[in-house]
């Protein structure tokens, strides 16, 4: 789970939350928006659970500041 950031020629940034299964390198989800919040990250994970019956047992992130949120409750 990581963010990819790109910038338009008119200086607007687009952020993409990507979820990739590391073993097969299959992309499970991509969520794109200009500004994303913790509730958006949770909604993407809930969508995986509800629509694709995928429940990750472990999520690997780079511990970047993007994942610091009260909405994302991570057990360490």
PDB file of N, CA and C in Angstrom:
ATOM      1  N   UNK A   1       0.864  -1.153   0.000  1.00  0.00           N
ATOM      2  CA  UNK A   1       0.000   0.000   0.000  1.00  0.00           C
ATOM      3  C   UNK A   1       0.914   1.219   0.000  1.00  0.00           C
ATOM      4  N   UNK A   2       0.775   2.043  -1.014  1.00  0.00           N
ATOM      5  CA  UNK A   2       1.632   3.215  -1.123  1.00  0.00           C
ATOM      6  C   UNK A   2       0.930   4.273  -1.965  1.00  0.00           C
ATOM      7  N   UNK A   3       1.470   5.461  -1.911  1.00  0.00           N
ATOM      8  CA  UNK A   3       0.955   6.570  -2.697  1.00  0.00           C
ATOM      9  C   UNK A   3       1.911   6.887  -3.831  1.00  0.00           C
ATOM     10  N   UNK A   4       1.329   7.223  -4.969  1.00  0.00           N
ATOM     11  CA  UNK A   4       2.081   7.707  -6.113  1.00  0.00           C
ATOM     12  C   UNK A   4       1.545   9.104  -6.395  1.00  0.00           C
ATOM     13  N   UNK A   5       2.466  10.051  -6.605  1.00  0.00           N
ATOM     14  CA  UNK A   5       2.053  11.435  -6.832  1.00  0.00           C
ATOM     15  C   UNK A   5       2.555  11.886  -8.196  1.00  0.00           C
ATOM     16  N   UNK A   6       1.683  12.565  -8.925  1.00  0.00           N
ATOM     17  CA  UNK A   6       2.067  13.143 -10.206  1.00  0.00           C
ATOM     18  C   UNK A   6       1.505  14.559 -10.257  1.00  0.00           C
ATOM     19  N   UNK A   7       2.009  15.345 -11.195  1.00  0.00           N
ATOM     20  CA  UNK A   7       1.573  16.736 -11.278  1.00  0.00           C
ATOM     21  C   UNK A   7       1.208  17.075 -12.714  1.00  0.00           C
ATOM     22  N   UNK A   8       0.063  17.717 -12.875  1.00  0.00           N
ATOM     23  CA  UNK A   8      -0.394  18.166 -14.183  1.00  0.00           C
ATOM     24  C   UNK A   8       0.457  19.338 -14.650  1.00  0.00           C
ATOM     25  N   UNK A   9       0.343  19.639 -15.914  1.00  0.00           N
ATOM     26  CA  UNK A   9       1.062  20.786 -16.459  1.00  0.00           C
ATOM     27  C   UNK A   9       0.533  22.103 -15.900  1.00  0.00           C
ATOM     28  N   UNK A  10      -0.667  22.099 -15.308  1.00  0.00           N
ATOM     29  CA  UNK A  10      -1.204  23.322 -14.702  1.00  0.00           C
ATOM     30  C   UNK A  10      -1.000  23.317 -13.184  1.00  0.00           C
ATOM     31  N   UNK A  11      -0.034  22.523 -12.727  1.00  0.00           N
ATOM     32  CA  UNK A  11       0.430  22.495 -11.334  1.00  0.00           C
ATOM     33  C   UNK A  11      -0.518  21.831 -10.347  1.00  0.00           C
ATOM     34  N   UNK A  12      -1.512  21.103 -10.801  1.00  0.00           N
ATOM     35  CA  UNK A  12      -2.371  20.368  -9.871  1.00  0.00           C
ATOM     36  C   UNK A  12      -1.783  18.977  -9.643  1.00  0.00           C
ATOM     37  N   UNK A  13      -1.681  18.614  -8.374  1.00  0.00           N
ATOM     38  CA  UNK A  13      -1.153  17.301  -8.042  1.00  0.00           C
ATOM     39  C   UNK A  13      -2.276  16.280  -7.982  1.00  0.00           C
ATOM     40  N   UNK A  14      -1.972  15.073  -8.429  1.00  0.00           N
ATOM     41  CA  UNK A  14      -2.895  13.953  -8.329  1.00  0.00           C
ATOM     42  C   UNK A  14      -2.200  12.872  -7.518  1.00  0.00           C
ATOM     43  N   UNK A  15      -2.916  12.348  -6.539  1.00  0.00           N
ATOM     44  CA  UNK A  15      -2.379  11.286  -5.703  1.00  0.00           C
ATOM     45  C   UNK A  15      -3.139  10.005  -5.990  1.00  0.00           C
ATOM     46  N   UNK A  16      -2.405   8.919  -6.090  1.00  0.00           N
ATOM     47  CA  UNK A  16      -3.011   7.611  -6.318  1.00  0.00           C
ATOM     48  C   UNK A  16      -2.606   6.683  -5.182  1.00  0.00           C
ATOM     49  N   UNK A  17      -3.595   6.148  -4.492  1.00  0.00           N
ATOM     50  CA  UNK A  17      -3.364   5.128  -3.479  1.00  0.00           C
ATOM     51  C   UNK A  17      -3.379   3.791  -4.206  1.00  0.00           C
ATOM     52  N   UNK A  18      -2.275   3.061  -4.130  1.00  0.00           N
ATOM     53  CA  UNK A  18      -2.171   1.788  -4.828  1.00  0.00           C
ATOM     54  C   UNK A  18      -2.047   0.653  -3.827  1.00  0.00           C
ATOM     55  N   UNK A  19      -2.783  -0.414  -4.062  1.00  0.00           N
ATOM     56  CA  UNK A  19      -2.695  -1.623  -3.254  1.00  0.00           C
ATOM     57  C   UNK A  19      -2.254  -2.755  -4.163  1.00  0.00           C
ATOM     58  N   UNK A  20      -1.086  -3.313  -3.873  1.00  0.00           N
ATOM     59  CA  UNK A  20      -0.496  -4.355  -4.713  1.00  0.00           C
ATOM     60  C   UNK A  20      -0.219  -5.573  -3.849  1.00  0.00           C
ATOM     61  N   UNK A  21      -0.603  -6.751  -4.360  1.00  0.00           N
ATOM     62  CA  UNK A  21      -0.290  -8.010  -3.691  1.00  0.00           C
ATOM     63  C   UNK A  21       1.156  -8.352  -4.043  1.00  0.00           C
ATOM     64  N   UNK A  22       2.056  -8.335  -3.055  1.00  0.00           N
ATOM     65  CA  UNK A  22       3.493  -8.445  -3.297  1.00  0.00           C
ATOM     66  C   UNK A  22       3.926  -9.759  -3.926  1.00  0.00           C
ATOM     67  N   UNK A  23       3.227 -10.845  -3.661  1.00  0.00           N
ATOM     68  CA  UNK A  23       3.659 -12.134  -4.190  1.00  0.00           C
ATOM     69  C   UNK A  23       3.420 -12.231  -5.700  1.00  0.00           C
ATOM     70  N   UNK A  24       2.225 -11.877  -6.138  1.00  0.00           N
ATOM     71  CA  UNK A  24       1.905 -11.978  -7.564  1.00  0.00           C
ATOM     72  C   UNK A  24       2.079 -10.646  -8.299  1.00  0.00           C
ATOM     73  N   UNK A  25       2.301  -9.567  -7.564  1.00  0.00           N
ATOM     74  CA  UNK A  25       2.388  -8.204  -8.097  1.00  0.00           C
ATOM     75  C   UNK A  25       1.091  -7.771  -8.777  1.00  0.00           C
ATOM     76  N   UNK A  26      -0.012  -8.381  -8.372  1.00  0.00           N
ATOM     77  CA  UNK A  26      -1.338  -8.033  -8.890  1.00  0.00           C
ATOM     78  C   UNK A  26      -1.821  -6.776  -8.192  1.00  0.00           C
ATOM     79  N   UNK A  27      -2.295  -5.828  -8.975  1.00  0.00           N
ATOM     80  CA  UNK A  27      -2.840  -4.599  -8.410  1.00  0.00           C
ATOM     81  C   UNK A  27      -4.272  -4.871  -7.953  1.00  0.00           C
ATOM     82  N   UNK A  28      -4.526  -4.714  -6.666  1.00  0.00           N
ATOM     83  CA  UNK A  28      -5.853  -4.979  -6.112  1.00  0.00           C
ATOM     84  C   UNK A  28      -6.764  -3.768  -6.218  1.00  0.00           C
ATOM     85  N   UNK A  29      -6.180  -2.569  -6.092  1.00  0.00           N
ATOM     86  CA  UNK A  29      -6.997  -1.352  -6.147  1.00  0.00           C
ATOM     87  C   UNK A  29      -6.112  -0.143  -6.407  1.00  0.00           C
ATOM     88  N   UNK A  30      -6.692   0.829  -7.097  1.00  0.00           N
ATOM     89  CA  UNK A  30      -6.073   2.144  -7.270  1.00  0.00           C
ATOM     90  C   UNK A  30      -7.160   3.170  -7.006  1.00  0.00           C
ATOM     91  N   UNK A  31      -6.881   4.106  -6.121  1.00  0.00           N
ATOM     92  CA  UNK A  31      -7.833   5.177  -5.835  1.00  0.00           C
ATOM     93  C   UNK A  31      -7.126   6.497  -6.099  1.00  0.00           C
ATOM     94  N   UNK A  32      -7.682   7.304  -6.999  1.00  0.00           N
ATOM     95  CA  UNK A  32      -7.047   8.563  -7.374  1.00  0.00           C
ATOM     96  C   UNK A  32      -7.921   9.739  -6.970  1.00  0.00           C
ATOM     97  N   UNK A  33      -7.246  10.788  -6.468  1.00  0.00           N
ATOM     98  CA  UNK A  33      -7.927  12.018  -6.083  1.00  0.00           C
ATOM     99  C   UNK A  33      -6.866  13.090  -5.885  1.00  0.00           C
ATOM    100  N   UNK A  34      -7.298  14.327  -5.804  1.00  0.00           N
ATOM    101  CA  UNK A  34      -6.337  15.400  -5.550  1.00  0.00           C
ATOM    102  C   UNK A  34      -5.942  15.465  -4.081  1.00  0.00           C
ATOM    103  N   UNK A  35      -6.867  15.198  -3.208  1.00  0.00           N
ATOM    104  CA  UNK A  35      -6.576  15.201  -1.771  1.00  0.00           C
ATOM    105  C   UNK A  35      -7.258  13.986  -1.157  1.00  0.00           C
ATOM    106  N   UNK A  36      -6.478  13.161  -0.482  1.00  0.00           N
ATOM    107  CA  UNK A  36      -7.032  11.950   0.117  1.00  0.00           C
ATOM    108  C   UNK A  36      -6.874  12.022   1.630  1.00  0.00           C
ATOM    109  N   UNK A  37      -7.847  11.463   2.302  1.00  0.00           N
ATOM    110  CA  UNK A  37      -7.843  11.452   3.766  1.00  0.00           C
ATOM    111  C   UNK A  37      -7.856  10.015   4.252  1.00  0.00           C
ATOM    112  N   UNK A  38      -7.684   9.845   5.552  1.00  0.00           N
ATOM    113  CA  UNK A  38      -7.677   8.521   6.151  1.00  0.00           C
ATOM    114  C   UNK A  38      -8.958   7.761   5.904  1.00  0.00           C
ATOM    115  N   UNK A  39     -10.082   8.469   5.883  1.00  0.00           N
ATOM    116  CA  UNK A  39     -11.364   7.788   5.631  1.00  0.00           C
ATOM    117  C   UNK A  39     -11.403   7.211   4.221  1.00  0.00           C
ATOM    118  N   UNK A  40     -10.696   7.856   3.273  1.00  0.00           N
ATOM    119  CA  UNK A  40     -10.628   7.333   1.912  1.00  0.00           C
ATOM    120  C   UNK A  40      -9.843   6.025   1.878  1.00  0.00           C
ATOM    121  N   UNK A  41      -8.752   5.950   2.631  1.00  0.00           N
ATOM    122  CA  UNK A  41      -7.951   4.731   2.701  1.00  0.00           C
ATOM    123  C   UNK A  41      -8.785   3.589   3.287  1.00  0.00           C
ATOM    124  N   UNK A  42      -9.517   3.896   4.337  1.00  0.00           N
ATOM    125  CA  UNK A  42     -10.371   2.892   4.970  1.00  0.00           C
ATOM    126  C   UNK A  42     -11.464   2.444   4.004  1.00  0.00           C
ATOM    127  N   UNK A  43     -12.036   3.375   3.254  1.00  0.00           N
ATOM    128  CA  UNK A  43     -13.098   3.040   2.301  1.00  0.00           C
ATOM    129  C   UNK A  43     -12.587   2.109   1.204  1.00  0.00           C
ATOM    130  N   UNK A  44     -11.362   2.307   0.743  1.00  0.00           N
ATOM    131  CA  UNK A  44     -10.790   1.436  -0.284  1.00  0.00           C
ATOM    132  C   UNK A  44     -10.624   0.029   0.271  1.00  0.00           C
ATOM    133  N   UNK A  45     -10.142  -0.100   1.505  1.00  0.00           N
ATOM    134  CA  UNK A  45      -9.982  -1.420   2.118  1.00  0.00           C
ATOM    135  C   UNK A  45     -11.330  -2.091   2.367  1.00  0.00           C
ATOM    136  N   UNK A  46     -12.321  -1.320   2.789  1.00  0.00           N
ATOM    137  CA  UNK A  46     -13.657  -1.883   2.992  1.00  0.00           C
ATOM    138  C   UNK A  46     -14.267  -2.331   1.671  1.00  0.00           C
ATOM    139  N   UNK A  47     -14.005  -1.594   0.602  1.00  0.00           N
ATOM    140  CA  UNK A  47     -14.497  -1.979  -0.713  1.00  0.00           C
ATOM    141  C   UNK A  47     -13.883  -3.307  -1.161  1.00  0.00           C
ATOM    142  N   UNK A  48     -12.599  -3.498  -0.891  1.00  0.00           N
ATOM    143  CA  UNK A  48     -11.954  -4.773  -1.206  1.00  0.00           C
ATOM    144  C   UNK A  48     -12.640  -5.923  -0.480  1.00  0.00           C
ATOM    145  N   UNK A  49     -12.963  -5.680   0.778  1.00  0.00           N
ATOM    146  CA  UNK A  49     -13.592  -6.716   1.594  1.00  0.00           C
ATOM    147  C   UNK A  49     -15.003  -7.025   1.098  1.00  0.00           C
ATOM    148  N   UNK A  50     -15.782  -6.000   0.819  1.00  0.00           N
ATOM    149  CA  UNK A  50     -17.182  -6.192   0.449  1.00  0.00           C
ATOM    150  C   UNK A  50     -17.370  -6.705  -0.978  1.00  0.00           C
ATOM    151  N   UNK A  51     -16.643  -6.133  -1.934  1.00  0.00           N
ATOM    152  CA  UNK A  51     -16.894  -6.439  -3.338  1.00  0.00           C
ATOM    153  C   UNK A  51     -16.010  -7.531  -3.918  1.00  0.00           C
ATOM    154  N   UNK A  52     -14.810  -7.699  -3.365  1.00  0.00           N
ATOM    155  CA  UNK A  52     -13.907  -8.697  -3.919  1.00  0.00           C
ATOM    156  C   UNK A  52     -13.583  -9.812  -2.924  1.00  0.00           C
ATOM    157  N   UNK A  53     -14.148  -9.753  -1.737  1.00  0.00           N
ATOM    158  CA  UNK A  53     -13.920 -10.743  -0.678  1.00  0.00           C
ATOM    159  C   UNK A  53     -12.438 -10.911  -0.343  1.00  0.00           C
ATOM    160  N   UNK A  54     -11.692  -9.803  -0.402  1.00  0.00           N
ATOM    161  CA  UNK A  54     -10.270  -9.819  -0.064  1.00  0.00           C
ATOM    162  C   UNK A  54     -10.094  -9.140   1.282  1.00  0.00           C
ATOM    163  N   UNK A  55      -9.535  -9.893   2.226  1.00  0.00           N
ATOM    164  CA  UNK A  55      -9.258  -9.351   3.551  1.00  0.00           C
ATOM    165  C   UNK A  55      -7.768  -9.547   3.818  1.00  0.00           C
ATOM    166  N   UNK A  56      -6.979  -8.475   3.683  1.00  0.00           N
ATOM    167  CA  UNK A  56      -5.539  -8.638   3.913  1.00  0.00           C
ATOM    168  C   UNK A  56      -5.235  -8.939   5.377  1.00  0.00           C
ATOM    169  N   UNK A  57      -4.377  -9.931   5.607  1.00  0.00           N
ATOM    170  CA  UNK A  57      -3.952 -10.254   6.967  1.00  0.00           C
ATOM    171  C   UNK A  57      -2.851  -9.312   7.423  1.00  0.00           C
ATOM    172  N   UNK A  58      -2.101  -8.793   6.473  1.00  0.00           N
ATOM    173  CA  UNK A  58      -0.998  -7.900   6.787  1.00  0.00           C
ATOM    174  C   UNK A  58      -0.900  -6.857   5.683  1.00  0.00           C
ATOM    175  N   UNK A  59      -0.623  -5.607   6.068  1.00  0.00           N
ATOM    176  CA  UNK A  59      -0.460  -4.524   5.101  1.00  0.00           C
ATOM    177  C   UNK A  59       0.921  -3.927   5.304  1.00  0.00           C
ATOM    178  N   UNK A  60       1.665  -3.831   4.216  1.00  0.00           N
ATOM    179  CA  UNK A  60       3.009  -3.263   4.272  1.00  0.00           C
ATOM    180  C   UNK A  60       2.975  -1.853   3.704  1.00  0.00           C
ATOM    181  N   UNK A  61       3.483  -0.904   4.473  1.00  0.00           N
ATOM    182  CA  UNK A  61       3.592   0.480   4.016  1.00  0.00           C
ATOM    183  C   UNK A  61       5.015   0.948   4.273  1.00  0.00           C
ATOM    184  N   UNK A  62       5.324   2.129   3.761  1.00  0.00           N
ATOM    185  CA  UNK A  62       6.648   2.684   3.999  1.00  0.00           C
ATOM    186  C   UNK A  62       6.674   3.589   5.239  1.00  0.00           C
ATOM    187  N   UNK A  63       5.616   3.555   6.033  1.00  0.00           N
ATOM    188  CA  UNK A  63       5.492   4.383   7.241  1.00  0.00           C
ATOM    189  C   UNK A  63       5.647   5.873   6.959  1.00  0.00           C
ATOM    190  N   UNK A  64       5.198   6.279   5.787  1.00  0.00           N
ATOM    191  CA  UNK A  64       5.240   7.694   5.436  1.00  0.00           C
ATOM    192  C   UNK A  64       4.169   8.464   6.184  1.00  0.00           C
ATOM    193  N   UNK A  65       4.256   9.755   6.106  1.00  0.00           N
ATOM    194  CA  UNK A  65       3.312  10.618   6.824  1.00  0.00           C
ATOM    195  C   UNK A  65       1.888  10.473   6.300  1.00  0.00           C
ATOM    196  N   UNK A  66       1.722   9.872   5.126  1.00  0.00           N
ATOM    197  CA  UNK A  66       0.384   9.697   4.558  1.00  0.00           C
ATOM    198  C   UNK A  66      -0.468   8.754   5.395  1.00  0.00           C
ATOM    199  N   UNK A  67       0.172   7.871   6.152  1.00  0.00           N
ATOM    200  CA  UNK A  67      -0.557   6.862   6.899  1.00  0.00           C
ATOM    201  C   UNK A  67      -0.705   7.220   8.373  1.00  0.00           C
ATOM    202  N   UNK A  68      -0.468   8.479   8.711  1.00  0.00           N
ATOM    203  CA  UNK A  68      -0.685   8.939  10.076  1.00  0.00           C
ATOM    204  C   UNK A  68      -2.075   9.568  10.120  1.00  0.00           C
ATOM    205  N   UNK A  69      -3.005   8.860  10.740  1.00  0.00           N
ATOM    206  CA  UNK A  69      -4.383   9.327  10.783  1.00  0.00           C
ATOM    207  C   UNK A  69      -5.114   8.664  11.927  1.00  0.00           C
ATOM    208  N   UNK A  70      -6.083   9.366  12.469  1.00  0.00           N
ATOM    209  CA  UNK A  70      -6.940   8.761  13.495  1.00  0.00           C
ATOM    210  C   UNK A  70      -7.916   7.780  12.865  1.00  0.00           C
ATOM    211  N   UNK A  71      -8.166   7.927  11.559  1.00  0.00           N
ATOM    212  CA  UNK A  71      -9.119   7.062  10.862  1.00  0.00           C
ATOM    213  C   UNK A  71      -8.524   5.688  10.550  1.00  0.00           C
ATOM    214  N   UNK A  72      -7.205   5.622  10.434  1.00  0.00           N
ATOM    215  CA  UNK A  72      -6.525   4.372  10.129  1.00  0.00           C
ATOM    216  C   UNK A  72      -5.934   3.855  11.424  1.00  0.00           C
ATOM    217  N   UNK A  73      -6.588   2.862  12.014  1.00  0.00           N
ATOM    218  CA  UNK A  73      -6.154   2.289  13.288  1.00  0.00           C
ATOM    219  C   UNK A  73      -5.301   1.058  12.992  1.00  0.00           C
ATOM    220  N   UNK A  74      -4.000   1.205  13.171  1.00  0.00           N
ATOM    221  CA  UNK A  74      -3.076   0.127  12.864  1.00  0.00           C
ATOM    222  C   UNK A  74      -2.512  -0.434  14.161  1.00  0.00           C
ATOM    223  N   UNK A  75      -2.592  -1.749  14.280  1.00  0.00           N
ATOM    224  CA  UNK A  75      -2.035  -2.410  15.445  1.00  0.00           C
ATOM    225  C   UNK A  75      -0.572  -2.712  15.180  1.00  0.00           C
ATOM    226  N   UNK A  76       0.290  -2.276  16.068  1.00  0.00           N
ATOM    227  CA  UNK A  76       1.745  -2.485  15.880  1.00  0.00           C
ATOM    228  C   UNK A  76       2.267  -3.510  16.823  1.00  0.00           C
TER     229      UNK A  76
END
